[in-house]
Amino acid sequence: MVSAQNNYNIMSRQVEIDLFPYCSQRDVGFLPYSPLGGGYLTGKYQAGRPAPEGTRGADGGGEVGRLRNDRNEAMLAPLGAVAGEYGHSMLDMAFAWMLAHPEVTSVIAGAMTPEQIAANIAAADWELTPEQLESINAIAAYEAGGIRGPERPAARG
């Protein structure tokens, strides 16, 4: 095996516990899909408000439907604030956060318009500092079933 492809984003971090150690130990690349949680991490969704008309989450299904819960909704505004503090969008932050993990070799990012392609490309230019990565992880720490995810290494650089 040379690479693994799993769902992974700021709010879906299970692979950090079970798959990242395997990838690191065996020099296996990791290609995350759904880095934006089906659009949930783009900044267009707001806690406590219905999904905007015409978005993937408008019908309540898919990845957005799975991510819309009290825990994740409580993270939206603070994550957006961190991104804004550094002059970036939520999308930029989601991609930069993903690329800060040494196991991640590339990010599978969908796009439907030329503008979305340009935004995806530009997002990869933001290299998080260790402090920025720590700020994001403090908001979106992985924890499920009493298991807390491992502390992540500092950003590349």
N, C-alpha and C. Protein backbone atom coordinates (compact mmCIF):
# COMPACT_ATOMS: atom_id res chain seq x y z
N MET A 1 0.85 -1.17 0.00
CA MET A 1 0.00 0.00 0.00
C MET A 1 0.90 1.24 0.00
N VAL A 2 0.60 2.21 -0.87
CA VAL A 2 1.39 3.43 -0.94
C VAL A 2 0.62 4.65 -0.45
N SER A 3 -0.70 4.55 -0.40
CA SER A 3 -1.49 5.67 0.13
C SER A 3 -2.82 5.17 0.66
N ALA A 4 -3.38 5.96 1.56
CA ALA A 4 -4.70 5.69 2.11
C ALA A 4 -5.56 6.91 1.81
N GLN A 5 -6.83 6.67 1.55
CA GLN A 5 -7.75 7.77 1.26
C GLN A 5 -8.96 7.63 2.17
N ASN A 6 -9.10 8.58 3.09
CA ASN A 6 -10.19 8.54 4.05
C ASN A 6 -10.77 9.93 4.24
N ASN A 7 -11.98 9.96 4.81
CA ASN A 7 -12.63 11.21 5.17
C ASN A 7 -11.82 11.85 6.29
N TYR A 8 -11.47 13.13 6.12
CA TYR A 8 -10.70 13.82 7.14
C TYR A 8 -10.87 15.31 6.99
N ASN A 9 -11.20 15.96 8.07
CA ASN A 9 -11.26 17.42 8.10
C ASN A 9 -11.20 17.87 9.56
N ILE A 10 -11.23 19.15 9.79
CA ILE A 10 -11.09 19.69 11.14
C ILE A 10 -12.09 19.08 12.11
N MET A 11 -13.27 18.73 11.65
CA MET A 11 -14.30 18.21 12.53
C MET A 11 -14.43 16.69 12.49
N SER A 12 -13.74 16.03 11.59
CA SER A 12 -13.77 14.56 11.46
C SER A 12 -12.34 14.06 11.51
N ARG A 13 -11.84 13.83 12.73
CA ARG A 13 -10.42 13.59 12.94
C ARG A 13 -10.08 12.17 13.40
N GLN A 14 -10.97 11.22 13.25
CA GLN A 14 -10.76 9.88 13.75
C GLN A 14 -9.47 9.24 13.24
N VAL A 15 -9.10 9.53 11.99
CA VAL A 15 -7.92 8.89 11.39
C VAL A 15 -6.64 9.24 12.14
N GLU A 16 -6.63 10.32 12.90
CA GLU A 16 -5.44 10.69 13.66
C GLU A 16 -5.09 9.62 14.69
N ILE A 17 -6.09 8.93 15.19
CA ILE A 17 -5.87 7.91 16.21
C ILE A 17 -5.51 6.57 15.59
N ASP A 18 -6.24 6.15 14.59
CA ASP A 18 -6.02 4.80 14.08
C ASP A 18 -5.19 4.70 12.81
N LEU A 19 -5.27 5.66 11.91
CA LEU A 19 -4.61 5.51 10.62
C LEU A 19 -3.30 6.30 10.50
N PHE A 20 -3.23 7.49 11.08
CA PHE A 20 -1.99 8.28 10.96
C PHE A 20 -0.77 7.55 11.51
N PRO A 21 -0.87 6.90 12.67
CA PRO A 21 0.31 6.18 13.15
C PRO A 21 0.77 5.09 12.16
N TYR A 22 -0.18 4.38 11.57
CA TYR A 22 0.15 3.36 10.58
C TYR A 22 0.87 4.00 9.38
N CYS A 23 0.31 5.09 8.87
CA CYS A 23 0.91 5.76 7.71
C CYS A 23 2.33 6.24 8.02
N SER A 24 2.51 6.81 9.20
CA SER A 24 3.83 7.32 9.59
C SER A 24 4.85 6.19 9.71
N GLN A 25 4.45 5.12 10.34
CA GLN A 25 5.37 4.00 10.57
C GLN A 25 5.75 3.27 9.29
N ARG A 26 4.88 3.28 8.31
CA ARG A 26 5.11 2.50 7.09
C ARG A 26 5.34 3.36 5.85
N ASP A 27 5.53 4.65 6.05
CA ASP A 27 5.77 5.59 4.95
C ASP A 27 4.66 5.50 3.89
N VAL A 28 3.44 5.51 4.38
CA VAL A 28 2.26 5.47 3.51
C VAL A 28 1.67 6.87 3.45
N GLY A 29 1.42 7.37 2.25
CA GLY A 29 0.82 8.68 2.09
C GLY A 29 -0.64 8.68 2.49
N PHE A 30 -1.15 9.83 2.85
CA PHE A 30 -2.55 9.96 3.22
C PHE A 30 -3.19 11.04 2.35
N LEU A 31 -4.28 10.68 1.68
CA LEU A 31 -5.02 11.59 0.80
C LEU A 31 -6.42 11.79 1.37
N PRO A 32 -6.64 12.86 2.12
CA PRO A 32 -7.95 13.06 2.72
C PRO A 32 -8.99 13.50 1.70
N TYR A 33 -10.17 12.95 1.82
CA TYR A 33 -11.27 13.48 1.02
C TYR A 33 -12.24 14.19 1.96
N SER A 34 -13.05 15.03 1.40
CA SER A 34 -14.00 15.87 2.13
C SER A 34 -13.31 16.82 3.10
N PRO A 35 -12.25 17.51 2.63
CA PRO A 35 -11.53 18.43 3.52
C PRO A 35 -12.39 19.58 4.01
N LEU A 36 -13.45 19.87 3.30
CA LEU A 36 -14.36 20.96 3.70
C LEU A 36 -15.66 20.42 4.28
N GLY A 37 -15.68 19.14 4.61
CA GLY A 37 -16.89 18.56 5.21
C GLY A 37 -18.11 18.74 4.34
N GLY A 38 -17.96 18.49 3.03
CA GLY A 38 -19.08 18.64 2.11
C GLY A 38 -19.53 20.10 1.98
N GLY A 39 -18.65 21.03 2.32
CA GLY A 39 -18.98 22.45 2.25
C GLY A 39 -19.21 23.09 3.61
N TYR A 40 -19.30 22.26 4.65
CA TYR A 40 -19.60 22.77 5.99
C TYR A 40 -18.52 23.71 6.49
N LEU A 41 -17.29 23.53 6.04
CA LEU A 41 -16.17 24.36 6.50
C LEU A 41 -15.81 25.46 5.50
N THR A 42 -16.76 25.89 4.72
CA THR A 42 -16.50 26.96 3.75
C THR A 42 -16.83 28.33 4.30
N GLY A 43 -17.56 28.39 5.40
CA GLY A 43 -17.97 29.67 5.96
C GLY A 43 -19.40 30.05 5.60
N LYS A 44 -20.05 29.26 4.74
CA LYS A 44 -21.42 29.63 4.34
C LYS A 44 -22.49 29.08 5.29
N TYR A 45 -22.10 28.22 6.21
CA TYR A 45 -23.04 27.67 7.19
C TYR A 45 -22.87 28.40 8.51
N GLN A 46 -23.99 28.68 9.19
CA GLN A 46 -23.98 29.39 10.45
C GLN A 46 -24.69 28.56 11.50
N ALA A 47 -24.13 28.52 12.69
CA ALA A 47 -24.74 27.76 13.78
C ALA A 47 -26.15 28.25 14.05
N GLY A 48 -27.06 27.30 14.24
CA GLY A 48 -28.43 27.63 14.58
C GLY A 48 -29.28 28.15 13.44
N ARG A 49 -28.72 28.23 12.25
CA ARG A 49 -29.48 28.72 11.09
C ARG A 49 -29.62 27.60 10.08
N PRO A 50 -30.71 27.60 9.33
CA PRO A 50 -30.86 26.59 8.29
C PRO A 50 -29.75 26.76 7.24
N ALA A 51 -29.42 25.66 6.60
CA ALA A 51 -28.42 25.71 5.52
C ALA A 51 -28.95 26.61 4.40
N PRO A 52 -28.07 27.39 3.81
CA PRO A 52 -28.51 28.25 2.71
C PRO A 52 -29.13 27.45 1.56
N GLU A 53 -30.17 28.00 0.98
CA GLU A 53 -30.85 27.38 -0.16
C GLU A 53 -29.84 27.12 -1.27
N GLY A 54 -29.94 25.93 -1.88
CA GLY A 54 -29.07 25.58 -2.99
C GLY A 54 -27.74 24.97 -2.58
N THR A 55 -27.49 24.83 -1.26
CA THR A 55 -26.25 24.22 -0.80
C THR A 55 -26.47 22.73 -0.55
N ARG A 56 -25.38 22.00 -0.43
CA ARG A 56 -25.47 20.56 -0.17
C ARG A 56 -26.20 20.27 1.13
N GLY A 57 -26.09 21.15 2.10
CA GLY A 57 -26.71 20.92 3.39
C GLY A 57 -28.17 21.30 3.46
N ALA A 58 -28.71 21.88 2.41
CA ALA A 58 -30.10 22.34 2.44
C ALA A 58 -31.10 21.21 2.68
N ASP A 59 -30.77 20.01 2.22
CA ASP A 59 -31.68 18.88 2.43
C ASP A 59 -31.38 18.13 3.73
N GLY A 60 -30.35 18.56 4.46
CA GLY A 60 -30.03 17.96 5.75
C GLY A 60 -29.26 16.66 5.66
N GLY A 61 -28.83 16.28 4.47
CA GLY A 61 -28.13 15.01 4.32
C GLY A 61 -26.66 15.16 4.02
N GLY A 62 -26.06 14.06 3.64
CA GLY A 62 -24.67 14.05 3.24
C GLY A 62 -23.72 14.40 4.37
N GLU A 63 -22.51 14.78 4.02
CA GLU A 63 -21.48 15.12 5.00
C GLU A 63 -21.92 16.30 5.86
N VAL A 64 -22.55 17.30 5.28
CA VAL A 64 -22.99 18.45 6.06
C VAL A 64 -24.01 18.01 7.10
N GLY A 65 -24.95 17.15 6.72
CA GLY A 65 -25.94 16.66 7.66
C GLY A 65 -25.31 15.89 8.81
N ARG A 66 -24.26 15.14 8.50
CA ARG A 66 -23.56 14.37 9.53
C ARG A 66 -22.80 15.30 10.48
N LEU A 67 -22.25 16.38 9.95
CA LEU A 67 -21.45 17.29 10.76
C LEU A 67 -22.28 18.29 11.56
N ARG A 68 -23.53 18.50 11.16
CA ARG A 68 -24.36 19.50 11.87
C ARG A 68 -24.84 18.91 13.18
N ASN A 69 -24.12 19.21 14.22
CA ASN A 69 -24.51 18.82 15.57
C ASN A 69 -24.03 19.92 16.51
N ASP A 70 -24.44 19.86 17.75
CA ASP A 70 -24.12 20.94 18.70
C ASP A 70 -22.61 21.14 18.84
N ARG A 71 -21.85 20.05 18.92
CA ARG A 71 -20.40 20.14 19.08
C ARG A 71 -19.78 20.93 17.92
N ASN A 72 -20.09 20.54 16.71
CA ASN A 72 -19.49 21.17 15.54
C ASN A 72 -20.02 22.57 15.29
N GLU A 73 -21.30 22.78 15.53
CA GLU A 73 -21.85 24.12 15.34
C GLU A 73 -21.20 25.11 16.30
N ALA A 74 -20.86 24.65 17.50
CA ALA A 74 -20.20 25.52 18.47
C ALA A 74 -18.80 25.93 18.00
N MET A 75 -18.22 25.17 17.09
CA MET A 75 -16.88 25.46 16.59
C MET A 75 -16.87 26.44 15.41
N LEU A 76 -17.98 26.57 14.70
CA LEU A 76 -17.98 27.36 13.47
C LEU A 76 -17.52 28.81 13.67
N ALA A 77 -18.13 29.52 14.59
CA ALA A 77 -17.76 30.93 14.79
C ALA A 77 -16.32 31.09 15.27
N PRO A 78 -15.87 30.30 16.28
CA PRO A 78 -14.47 30.44 16.70
C PRO A 78 -13.47 30.09 15.60
N LEU A 79 -13.76 29.08 14.80
CA LEU A 79 -12.86 28.74 13.70
C LEU A 79 -12.83 29.87 12.67
N GLY A 80 -14.00 30.41 12.36
CA GLY A 80 -14.07 31.53 11.44
C GLY A 80 -13.31 32.74 11.96
N ALA A 81 -13.37 32.95 13.28
CA ALA A 81 -12.65 34.08 13.89
C ALA A 81 -11.14 33.90 13.78
N VAL A 82 -10.66 32.67 13.97
CA VAL A 82 -9.22 32.42 13.83
C VAL A 82 -8.78 32.70 12.40
N ALA A 83 -9.54 32.19 11.44
CA ALA A 83 -9.20 32.43 10.03
C ALA A 83 -9.18 33.93 9.74
N GLY A 84 -10.22 34.63 10.18
CA GLY A 84 -10.31 36.06 9.94
C GLY A 84 -9.21 36.86 10.61
N GLU A 85 -8.79 36.41 11.79
CA GLU A 85 -7.71 37.09 12.51
C GLU A 85 -6.43 37.15 11.67
N TYR A 86 -6.23 36.16 10.82
CA TYR A 86 -5.04 36.10 9.98
C TYR A 86 -5.32 36.50 8.54
N GLY A 87 -6.50 37.08 8.30
CA GLY A 87 -6.85 37.57 6.97
C GLY A 87 -7.15 36.47 5.96
N HIS A 88 -7.67 35.35 6.45
CA HIS A 88 -7.98 34.22 5.58
C HIS A 88 -9.44 33.79 5.74
N SER A 89 -9.88 33.00 4.80
CA SER A 89 -11.24 32.44 4.85
C SER A 89 -11.21 31.12 5.61
N MET A 90 -12.39 30.64 5.93
CA MET A 90 -12.53 29.34 6.57
C MET A 90 -11.98 28.24 5.65
N LEU A 91 -12.23 28.36 4.35
CA LEU A 91 -11.71 27.40 3.38
C LEU A 91 -10.18 27.38 3.42
N ASP A 92 -9.55 28.55 3.42
CA ASP A 92 -8.10 28.63 3.51
C ASP A 92 -7.60 27.89 4.75
N MET A 93 -8.26 28.14 5.86
CA MET A 93 -7.84 27.54 7.12
C MET A 93 -8.00 26.02 7.08
N ALA A 94 -9.11 25.54 6.53
CA ALA A 94 -9.35 24.10 6.47
C ALA A 94 -8.25 23.40 5.66
N PHE A 95 -7.87 23.97 4.53
CA PHE A 95 -6.82 23.37 3.71
C PHE A 95 -5.45 23.50 4.37
N ALA A 96 -5.15 24.68 4.91
CA ALA A 96 -3.85 24.90 5.55
C ALA A 96 -3.68 23.97 6.75
N TRP A 97 -4.74 23.79 7.52
CA TRP A 97 -4.70 22.90 8.68
C TRP A 97 -4.40 21.48 8.23
N MET A 98 -5.08 21.07 7.17
CA MET A 98 -4.88 19.71 6.66
C MET A 98 -3.44 19.51 6.21
N LEU A 99 -2.91 20.48 5.47
CA LEU A 99 -1.56 20.36 4.92
C LEU A 99 -0.48 20.52 5.99
N ALA A 100 -0.84 20.97 7.18
CA ALA A 100 0.12 21.08 8.28
C ALA A 100 0.44 19.73 8.89
N HIS A 101 -0.32 18.71 8.55
CA HIS A 101 -0.09 17.36 9.08
C HIS A 101 0.86 16.61 8.15
N PRO A 102 2.00 16.17 8.66
CA PRO A 102 2.99 15.53 7.80
C PRO A 102 2.49 14.26 7.10
N GLU A 103 1.48 13.61 7.63
CA GLU A 103 0.94 12.41 6.99
C GLU A 103 0.21 12.74 5.70
N VAL A 104 -0.31 13.95 5.59
CA VAL A 104 -1.12 14.36 4.44
C VAL A 104 -0.20 14.72 3.27
N THR A 105 -0.34 13.97 2.18
CA THR A 105 0.53 14.20 1.02
C THR A 105 -0.12 15.14 0.01
N SER A 106 -1.44 15.18 -0.02
CA SER A 106 -2.19 16.07 -0.90
C SER A 106 -3.62 16.11 -0.40
N VAL A 107 -4.39 17.07 -0.88
CA VAL A 107 -5.78 17.20 -0.46
C VAL A 107 -6.67 17.06 -1.69
N ILE A 108 -7.67 16.22 -1.58
CA ILE A 108 -8.64 16.06 -2.66
C ILE A 108 -9.71 17.12 -2.48
N ALA A 109 -9.72 18.09 -3.37
CA ALA A 109 -10.64 19.21 -3.24
C ALA A 109 -11.48 19.34 -4.50
N GLY A 110 -12.78 19.30 -4.33
CA GLY A 110 -13.68 19.48 -5.46
C GLY A 110 -13.91 20.95 -5.73
N ALA A 111 -14.31 21.21 -6.94
CA ALA A 111 -14.64 22.59 -7.33
C ALA A 111 -15.65 22.53 -8.47
N MET A 112 -16.57 23.49 -8.46
CA MET A 112 -17.60 23.53 -9.51
C MET A 112 -17.46 24.76 -10.40
N THR A 113 -16.62 25.71 -10.00
CA THR A 113 -16.45 26.93 -10.79
C THR A 113 -14.97 27.27 -10.88
N PRO A 114 -14.57 28.06 -11.86
CA PRO A 114 -13.18 28.51 -11.93
C PRO A 114 -12.77 29.28 -10.68
N GLU A 115 -13.69 30.02 -10.07
CA GLU A 115 -13.39 30.78 -8.86
C GLU A 115 -13.06 29.84 -7.70
N GLN A 116 -13.79 28.72 -7.62
CA GLN A 116 -13.51 27.75 -6.56
C GLN A 116 -12.16 27.08 -6.78
N ILE A 117 -11.79 26.83 -8.01
CA ILE A 117 -10.47 26.26 -8.31
C ILE A 117 -9.39 27.23 -7.86
N ALA A 118 -9.55 28.50 -8.20
CA ALA A 118 -8.57 29.52 -7.81
C ALA A 118 -8.48 29.62 -6.28
N ALA A 119 -9.61 29.57 -5.59
CA ALA A 119 -9.61 29.66 -4.12
C ALA A 119 -8.91 28.46 -3.51
N ASN A 120 -9.14 27.27 -4.07
CA ASN A 120 -8.49 26.06 -3.56
C ASN A 120 -6.98 26.15 -3.72
N ILE A 121 -6.54 26.62 -4.85
CA ILE A 121 -5.10 26.75 -5.12
C ILE A 121 -4.48 27.77 -4.16
N ALA A 122 -5.13 28.91 -4.01
CA ALA A 122 -4.62 29.96 -3.13
C ALA A 122 -4.57 29.51 -1.67
N ALA A 123 -5.50 28.67 -1.27
CA ALA A 123 -5.55 28.21 0.12
C ALA A 123 -4.29 27.47 0.52
N ALA A 124 -3.67 26.78 -0.42
CA ALA A 124 -2.47 26.00 -0.12
C ALA A 124 -1.26 26.89 0.17
N ASP A 125 -1.35 28.17 -0.09
CA ASP A 125 -0.24 29.09 0.15
C ASP A 125 -0.07 29.45 1.63
N TRP A 126 -1.09 29.25 2.43
CA TRP A 126 -1.01 29.60 3.85
C TRP A 126 -0.38 28.45 4.62
N GLU A 127 0.82 28.65 5.12
CA GLU A 127 1.48 27.67 5.98
C GLU A 127 1.28 28.12 7.42
N LEU A 128 0.55 27.33 8.16
CA LEU A 128 0.24 27.68 9.54
C LEU A 128 1.50 27.67 10.41
N THR A 129 1.57 28.64 11.29
CA THR A 129 2.63 28.63 12.30
C THR A 129 2.22 27.64 13.39
N PRO A 130 3.15 27.22 14.23
CA PRO A 130 2.76 26.34 15.35
C PRO A 130 1.68 26.97 16.23
N GLU A 131 1.73 28.28 16.42
CA GLU A 131 0.73 28.96 17.25
C GLU A 131 -0.65 28.94 16.59
N GLN A 132 -0.69 29.15 15.28
CA GLN A 132 -1.97 29.11 14.57
C GLN A 132 -2.55 27.70 14.61
N LEU A 133 -1.72 26.71 14.41
CA LEU A 133 -2.18 25.32 14.46
C LEU A 133 -2.71 24.99 15.85
N GLU A 134 -2.02 25.46 16.86
CA GLU A 134 -2.46 25.24 18.23
C GLU A 134 -3.81 25.90 18.50
N SER A 135 -4.02 27.11 17.96
CA SER A 135 -5.30 27.81 18.13
C SER A 135 -6.45 27.01 17.52
N ILE A 136 -6.22 26.48 16.34
CA ILE A 136 -7.26 25.70 15.66
C ILE A 136 -7.53 24.41 16.43
N ASN A 137 -6.46 23.71 16.81
CA ASN A 137 -6.63 22.44 17.53
C ASN A 137 -7.29 22.64 18.89
N ALA A 138 -7.09 23.78 19.52
CA ALA A 138 -7.74 24.06 20.80
C ALA A 138 -9.25 24.16 20.63
N ILE A 139 -9.68 24.67 19.50
CA ILE A 139 -11.11 24.79 19.21
C ILE A 139 -11.69 23.45 18.78
N ALA A 140 -10.96 22.72 17.96
CA ALA A 140 -11.49 21.50 17.33
C ALA A 140 -10.71 20.26 17.73
N ALA A 141 -10.43 20.11 19.01
CA ALA A 141 -9.72 18.93 19.49
C ALA A 141 -10.55 17.68 19.22
N TYR A 142 -9.88 16.62 18.82
CA TYR A 142 -10.61 15.37 18.56
C TYR A 142 -10.87 14.65 19.87
N GLU A 143 -12.12 14.30 20.08
CA GLU A 143 -12.49 13.54 21.25
C GLU A 143 -13.78 12.80 20.93
N ALA A 144 -13.77 11.51 21.16
CA ALA A 144 -14.99 10.72 20.93
C ALA A 144 -14.93 9.48 21.81
N GLY A 145 -16.03 9.14 22.39
CA GLY A 145 -16.10 7.94 23.21
C GLY A 145 -15.07 7.93 24.34
N GLY A 146 -14.73 9.11 24.85
CA GLY A 146 -13.77 9.18 25.94
C GLY A 146 -12.32 9.11 25.48
N ILE A 147 -12.09 8.98 24.18
CA ILE A 147 -10.73 8.91 23.66
C ILE A 147 -10.37 10.27 23.08
N ARG A 148 -9.30 10.84 23.59
CA ARG A 148 -8.83 12.12 23.05
C ARG A 148 -7.72 11.83 22.07
N GLY A 149 -7.78 12.50 20.93
CA GLY A 149 -6.78 12.29 19.90
C GLY A 149 -5.41 12.74 20.35
N PRO A 150 -4.38 12.22 19.70
CA PRO A 150 -3.01 12.59 20.07
C PRO A 150 -2.74 14.06 19.76
N GLU A 151 -1.83 14.64 20.49
CA GLU A 151 -1.42 15.99 20.19
C GLU A 151 -0.71 15.95 18.86
N ARG A 152 -1.02 16.87 18.01
CA ARG A 152 -0.45 16.88 16.67
C ARG A 152 0.87 17.62 16.65
N PRO A 153 1.76 17.23 15.75
CA PRO A 153 3.03 17.93 15.65
C PRO A 153 2.84 19.36 15.17
N ALA A 154 3.86 20.16 15.40
CA ALA A 154 3.82 21.55 14.94
C ALA A 154 3.74 21.59 13.43
N ALA A 155 3.29 22.72 12.93
CA ALA A 155 3.16 22.90 11.46
C ALA A 155 4.51 22.69 10.78
N ARG A 156 4.43 22.30 9.51
CA ARG A 156 5.64 22.14 8.72
C ARG A 156 6.33 23.48 8.57
N GLY A 157 7.61 23.44 8.36
CA GLY A 157 8.25 24.71 8.11
C GLY A 157 9.62 24.73 8.50
